[in-house]
């Protein structure tokens, strides 16, 4: 199963914890890491980053 197929499977079968864990183990170690937000301002900043990522702006 390719990464894309695995991702699609996990989206369709959200209760399959083993598949989700396997998918997460295959993530890119060079991906940017964001610290957990501690304030409302940090939460809003991270939500904007996520929105931009979804829209394809990042």
C-alpha atoms as a PDB file:
ATOM      1  CA  UNK A   1       0.000   0.000   0.000  1.00  0.00           C
ATOM      2  CA  UNK A   2       1.409   3.386  -0.964  1.00  0.00           C
ATOM      3  CA  UNK A   3       1.540   6.311   1.449  1.00  0.00           C
ATOM      4  CA  UNK A   4      -1.324   7.978  -0.423  1.00  0.00           C
ATOM      5  CA  UNK A   5      -3.447   4.825  -0.224  1.00  0.00           C
ATOM      6  CA  UNK A   6      -2.649   4.433   3.476  1.00  0.00           C
ATOM      7  CA  UNK A   7      -3.612   8.045   4.128  1.00  0.00           C
ATOM      8  CA  UNK A   8      -6.912   7.570   2.274  1.00  0.00           C
ATOM      9  CA  UNK A   9      -7.562   4.372   4.240  1.00  0.00           C
ATOM     10  CA  UNK A  10      -6.944   6.116   7.570  1.00  0.00           C
ATOM     11  CA  UNK A  11      -9.280   8.973   6.595  1.00  0.00           C
ATOM     12  CA  UNK A  12     -12.030   6.469   5.774  1.00  0.00           C
ATOM     13  CA  UNK A  13     -11.319   4.229   8.804  1.00  0.00           C
ATOM     14  CA  UNK A  14     -10.607   6.634  11.642  1.00  0.00           C
ATOM     15  CA  UNK A  15     -11.192   3.929  14.262  1.00  0.00           C
ATOM     16  CA  UNK A  16      -8.252   1.836  13.009  1.00  0.00           C
ATOM     17  CA  UNK A  17      -5.687   3.018  15.557  1.00  0.00           C
ATOM     18  CA  UNK A  18      -2.984   0.635  14.327  1.00  0.00           C
ATOM     19  CA  UNK A  19      -3.184   2.054  10.794  1.00  0.00           C
ATOM     20  CA  UNK A  20      -3.118   5.612  12.173  1.00  0.00           C
ATOM     21  CA  UNK A  21      -0.029   4.847  14.267  1.00  0.00           C
ATOM     22  CA  UNK A  22       1.696   3.303  11.252  1.00  0.00           C
ATOM     23  CA  UNK A  23       0.841   6.354   9.125  1.00  0.00           C
ATOM     24  CA  UNK A  24       2.198   8.704  11.789  1.00  0.00           C
ATOM     25  CA  UNK A  25       5.420   6.691  12.006  1.00  0.00           C
ATOM     26  CA  UNK A  26       6.012   7.409   8.307  1.00  0.00           C
ATOM     27  CA  UNK A  27       5.862  11.197   8.619  1.00  0.00           C
ATOM     28  CA  UNK A  28       8.708  13.327   7.284  1.00  0.00           C
ATOM     29  CA  UNK A  29      11.260  13.985  10.056  1.00  0.00           C
ATOM     30  CA  UNK A  30      12.166  17.275   8.345  1.00  0.00           C
ATOM     31  CA  UNK A  31       8.630  18.657   8.605  1.00  0.00           C
ATOM     32  CA  UNK A  32       8.326  21.901  10.532  1.00  0.00           C
ATOM     33  CA  UNK A  33       7.433  21.422  14.160  1.00  0.00           C
ATOM     34  CA  UNK A  34       5.172  23.843  15.945  1.00  0.00           C
ATOM     35  CA  UNK A  35       5.101  24.105  19.752  1.00  0.00           C
ATOM     36  CA  UNK A  36       1.792  23.718  21.565  1.00  0.00           C
ATOM     37  CA  UNK A  37       0.049  27.094  21.841  1.00  0.00           C
ATOM     38  CA  UNK A  38       0.089  28.556  25.345  1.00  0.00           C
ATOM     39  CA  UNK A  39      -1.989  31.696  24.762  1.00  0.00           C
ATOM     40  CA  UNK A  40      -5.011  32.639  22.693  1.00  0.00           C
ATOM     41  CA  UNK A  41      -2.744  34.690  20.411  1.00  0.00           C
ATOM     42  CA  UNK A  42      -0.516  31.664  19.750  1.00  0.00           C
ATOM     43  CA  UNK A  43      -3.610  29.525  19.089  1.00  0.00           C
ATOM     44  CA  UNK A  44      -4.889  32.058  16.546  1.00  0.00           C
ATOM     45  CA  UNK A  45      -1.465  32.197  14.882  1.00  0.00           C
ATOM     46  CA  UNK A  46      -1.350  28.421  14.514  1.00  0.00           C
ATOM     47  CA  UNK A  47      -4.910  28.321  13.193  1.00  0.00           C
ATOM     48  CA  UNK A  48      -3.932  30.854  10.535  1.00  0.00           C
ATOM     49  CA  UNK A  49      -0.939  28.709   9.565  1.00  0.00           C
ATOM     50  CA  UNK A  50      -3.250  25.697   9.212  1.00  0.00           C
ATOM     51  CA  UNK A  51      -5.756  27.685   7.128  1.00  0.00           C
ATOM     52  CA  UNK A  52      -2.978  28.895   4.809  1.00  0.00           C
ATOM     53  CA  UNK A  53      -1.634  25.330   4.488  1.00  0.00           C
ATOM     54  CA  UNK A  54      -5.111  24.027   3.566  1.00  0.00           C
ATOM     55  CA  UNK A  55      -5.492  26.776   0.950  1.00  0.00           C
ATOM     56  CA  UNK A  56      -2.101  25.832  -0.510  1.00  0.00           C
ATOM     57  CA  UNK A  57      -0.425  29.115   0.368  1.00  0.00           C
ATOM     58  CA  UNK A  58       2.417  27.467   2.284  1.00  0.00           C
END
